[in-house]
Amino acid sequence: MAENTDQNDNTVVKDEMEHETGIIYKEEAVKKAVEYCVENDILKDFLGKNGAKVANMLMEELYWDDRQALRLDEGKMDSKRAIAQNALMEGLPIDVVQRITGLDMETVKSIQKKL
């Protein structure tokens, strides 16, 4: 039963943050979420003592997610460049390589020059 209440509280906080501020920076969102919880007696005692630690942990988690997404994007770009290089080495026309990889033409031409 407590688990369901916690889930409802999380949804209320999220909905309130989205309604109140629209798109906001992550730091501000975390700060406002902690403040909202304290003001509405959601984990008030715990957050009163540990609010800064909780906010820091949440920010670390959010930034970790951002770093992971960036690494994934970089990996995808590396794969596209490798595919372009292989396709060019096999003699595919540059416009075909550009279309199949989704890379911009300048990047494909740059790869071709290095071959």
C-alpha atoms as a PDB file:
ATOM      1  CA  MET A   1       0.000   0.000   0.000  1.00  0.00           C
ATOM      2  CA  ALA A   2       2.823   2.430   0.850  1.00  0.00           C
ATOM      3  CA  GLU A   3       4.456   1.708  -2.501  1.00  0.00           C
ATOM      4  CA  ASN A   4       1.345   2.870  -4.351  1.00  0.00           C
ATOM      5  CA  THR A   5       1.218   6.065  -2.249  1.00  0.00           C
ATOM      6  CA  ASP A   6       4.879   6.800  -3.045  1.00  0.00           C
ATOM      7  CA  GLN A   7       4.174   6.259  -6.739  1.00  0.00           C
ATOM      8  CA  ASN A   8       1.171   8.598  -6.587  1.00  0.00           C
ATOM      9  CA  ASP A   9       3.271  11.213  -4.757  1.00  0.00           C
ATOM     10  CA  ASN A  10       5.923  10.988  -7.475  1.00  0.00           C
ATOM     11  CA  THR A  11       3.298  11.457 -10.169  1.00  0.00           C
ATOM     12  CA  VAL A  12       1.808  14.441  -8.338  1.00  0.00           C
ATOM     13  CA  VAL A  13       5.222  16.067  -8.008  1.00  0.00           C
ATOM     14  CA  LYS A  14       6.045  15.441 -11.674  1.00  0.00           C
ATOM     15  CA  ASP A  15       2.673  16.716 -12.864  1.00  0.00           C
ATOM     16  CA  GLU A  16       2.911  19.781 -10.626  1.00  0.00           C
ATOM     17  CA  MET A  17       6.418  20.582 -11.901  1.00  0.00           C
ATOM     18  CA  GLU A  18       5.357  20.275 -15.531  1.00  0.00           C
ATOM     19  CA  HIS A  19       2.208  22.329 -14.968  1.00  0.00           C
ATOM     20  CA  GLU A  20       3.899  25.049 -12.957  1.00  0.00           C
ATOM     21  CA  THR A  21       7.045  25.643 -14.967  1.00  0.00           C
ATOM     22  CA  GLY A  22       6.860  23.973 -18.348  1.00  0.00           C
ATOM     23  CA  ILE A  23      10.375  23.262 -19.552  1.00  0.00           C
ATOM     24  CA  ILE A  24      12.853  24.004 -16.794  1.00  0.00           C
ATOM     25  CA  TYR A  25      16.487  23.251 -16.169  1.00  0.00           C
ATOM     26  CA  LYS A  26      17.250  20.001 -14.395  1.00  0.00           C
ATOM     27  CA  GLU A  27      18.872  21.688 -11.404  1.00  0.00           C
ATOM     28  CA  GLU A  28      15.861  23.905 -10.881  1.00  0.00           C
ATOM     29  CA  ALA A  29      13.507  20.959 -11.341  1.00  0.00           C
ATOM     30  CA  VAL A  30      15.299  18.938  -8.680  1.00  0.00           C
ATOM     31  CA  LYS A  31      15.370  21.884  -6.282  1.00  0.00           C
ATOM     32  CA  LYS A  32      11.686  22.622  -6.800  1.00  0.00           C
ATOM     33  CA  ALA A  33      10.761  18.942  -6.448  1.00  0.00           C
ATOM     34  CA  VAL A  34      12.532  18.736  -3.077  1.00  0.00           C
ATOM     35  CA  GLU A  35      10.899  22.002  -1.963  1.00  0.00           C
ATOM     36  CA  TYR A  36       7.487  20.773  -3.131  1.00  0.00           C
ATOM     37  CA  CYS A  37       7.865  17.536  -1.198  1.00  0.00           C
ATOM     38  CA  VAL A  38       8.867  19.341   1.993  1.00  0.00           C
ATOM     39  CA  GLU A  39       6.012  21.854   1.649  1.00  0.00           C
ATOM     40  CA  ASN A  40       3.495  19.050   1.084  1.00  0.00           C
ATOM     41  CA  ASP A  41       4.743  16.734   3.856  1.00  0.00           C
ATOM     42  CA  ILE A  42       6.145  14.183   1.424  1.00  0.00           C
ATOM     43  CA  LEU A  43       9.206  12.752   3.183  1.00  0.00           C
ATOM     44  CA  LYS A  44       9.391  16.107   4.994  1.00  0.00           C
ATOM     45  CA  ASP A  45      11.574  14.976   7.916  1.00  0.00           C
ATOM     46  CA  PHE A  46      13.955  13.020   5.716  1.00  0.00           C
ATOM     47  CA  LEU A  47      14.307  15.789   3.129  1.00  0.00           C
ATOM     48  CA  GLY A  48      14.637  18.390   5.862  1.00  0.00           C
ATOM     49  CA  LYS A  49      17.757  16.589   7.040  1.00  0.00           C
ATOM     50  CA  ASN A  50      19.027  15.224   3.727  1.00  0.00           C
ATOM     51  CA  GLY A  51      17.526  17.445   1.020  1.00  0.00           C
ATOM     52  CA  ALA A  52      20.879  18.659  -0.306  1.00  0.00           C
ATOM     53  CA  LYS A  53      22.250  15.108  -0.464  1.00  0.00           C
ATOM     54  CA  VAL A  54      19.130  13.882  -2.234  1.00  0.00           C
ATOM     55  CA  ALA A  55      19.318  16.743  -4.743  1.00  0.00           C
ATOM     56  CA  ASN A  56      22.999  16.019  -5.416  1.00  0.00           C
ATOM     57  CA  MET A  57      22.310  12.318  -5.917  1.00  0.00           C
ATOM     58  CA  LEU A  58      19.465  13.088  -8.317  1.00  0.00           C
ATOM     59  CA  MET A  59      21.645  15.488 -10.302  1.00  0.00           C
ATOM     60  CA  GLU A  60      24.430  12.916 -10.520  1.00  0.00           C
ATOM     61  CA  GLU A  61      21.934  10.386 -11.852  1.00  0.00           C
ATOM     62  CA  LEU A  62      20.534  12.846 -14.393  1.00  0.00           C
ATOM     63  CA  TYR A  63      23.994  13.827 -15.587  1.00  0.00           C
ATOM     64  CA  TRP A  64      25.038  10.187 -15.760  1.00  0.00           C
ATOM     65  CA  ASP A  65      22.057   9.551 -18.041  1.00  0.00           C
ATOM     66  CA  ASP A  66      23.101  12.510 -20.194  1.00  0.00           C
ATOM     67  CA  ARG A  67      26.681  11.235 -20.408  1.00  0.00           C
ATOM     68  CA  GLN A  68      25.461   7.770 -21.381  1.00  0.00           C
ATOM     69  CA  ALA A  69      23.249   9.226 -24.104  1.00  0.00           C
ATOM     70  CA  LEU A  70      26.180  11.270 -25.410  1.00  0.00           C
ATOM     71  CA  ARG A  71      28.400   8.181 -25.499  1.00  0.00           C
ATOM     72  CA  LEU A  72      25.692   6.296 -27.362  1.00  0.00           C
ATOM     73  CA  ASP A  73      25.384   9.107 -29.917  1.00  0.00           C
ATOM     74  CA  GLU A  74      29.168   9.197 -30.359  1.00  0.00           C
ATOM     75  CA  GLY A  75      29.185   5.430 -30.865  1.00  0.00           C
ATOM     76  CA  LYS A  76      26.485   5.696 -33.509  1.00  0.00           C
ATOM     77  CA  MET A  77      28.461   8.374 -35.343  1.00  0.00           C
ATOM     78  CA  ASP A  78      31.609   6.244 -35.208  1.00  0.00           C
ATOM     79  CA  SER A  79      29.645   3.325 -36.680  1.00  0.00           C
ATOM     80  CA  LYS A  80      28.223   5.483 -39.455  1.00  0.00           C
ATOM     81  CA  ARG A  81      31.712   6.746 -40.326  1.00  0.00           C
ATOM     82  CA  ALA A  82      33.048   3.177 -40.424  1.00  0.00           C
ATOM     83  CA  ILE A  83      30.192   2.086 -42.677  1.00  0.00           C
ATOM     84  CA  ALA A  84      30.819   5.070 -44.951  1.00  0.00           C
ATOM     85  CA  GLN A  85      34.517   4.254 -45.125  1.00  0.00           C
ATOM     86  CA  ASN A  86      33.832   0.616 -46.002  1.00  0.00           C
ATOM     87  CA  ALA A  87      31.228   1.564 -48.603  1.00  0.00           C
ATOM     88  CA  LEU A  88      33.570   4.072 -50.230  1.00  0.00           C
ATOM     89  CA  MET A  89      36.369   1.517 -50.266  1.00  0.00           C
ATOM     90  CA  GLU A  90      33.992  -0.861 -52.066  1.00  0.00           C
ATOM     91  CA  GLY A  91      33.440   1.799 -54.717  1.00  0.00           C
ATOM     92  CA  LEU A  92      29.923   2.973 -53.875  1.00  0.00           C
ATOM     93  CA  PRO A  93      29.159   6.460 -55.191  1.00  0.00           C
ATOM     94  CA  ILE A  94      29.520   9.218 -52.598  1.00  0.00           C
ATOM     95  CA  ASP A  95      25.852  10.261 -52.860  1.00  0.00           C
ATOM     96  CA  VAL A  96      24.731   6.682 -52.172  1.00  0.00           C
ATOM     97  CA  VAL A  97      27.052   6.468 -49.156  1.00  0.00           C
ATOM     98  CA  GLN A  98      25.636   9.746 -47.861  1.00  0.00           C
ATOM     99  CA  ARG A  99      22.063   8.499 -48.223  1.00  0.00           C
ATOM    100  CA  ILE A 100      22.600   5.109 -46.601  1.00  0.00           C
ATOM    101  CA  THR A 101      24.603   6.443 -43.642  1.00  0.00           C
ATOM    102  CA  GLY A 102      22.696   9.666 -43.063  1.00  0.00           C
ATOM    103  CA  LEU A 103      25.979  11.521 -42.684  1.00  0.00           C
ATOM    104  CA  ASP A 104      26.225  14.986 -44.145  1.00  0.00           C
ATOM    105  CA  MET A 105      27.982  15.254 -47.497  1.00  0.00           C
ATOM    106  CA  GLU A 106      30.975  17.130 -46.050  1.00  0.00           C
ATOM    107  CA  THR A 107      31.671  14.286 -43.617  1.00  0.00           C
ATOM    108  CA  VAL A 108      31.458  11.666 -46.375  1.00  0.00           C
ATOM    109  CA  LYS A 109      33.793  13.724 -48.599  1.00  0.00           C
ATOM    110  CA  SER A 110      36.209  14.093 -45.691  1.00  0.00           C
ATOM    111  CA  ILE A 111      36.234  10.324 -45.205  1.00  0.00           C
ATOM    112  CA  GLN A 112      36.778   9.801 -48.928  1.00  0.00           C
ATOM    113  CA  LYS A 113      39.789  12.155 -48.937  1.00  0.00           C
ATOM    114  CA  LYS A 114      41.440  10.075 -46.200  1.00  0.00           C
ATOM    115  CA  LEU A 115      41.263   6.883 -48.267  1.00  0.00           C
END
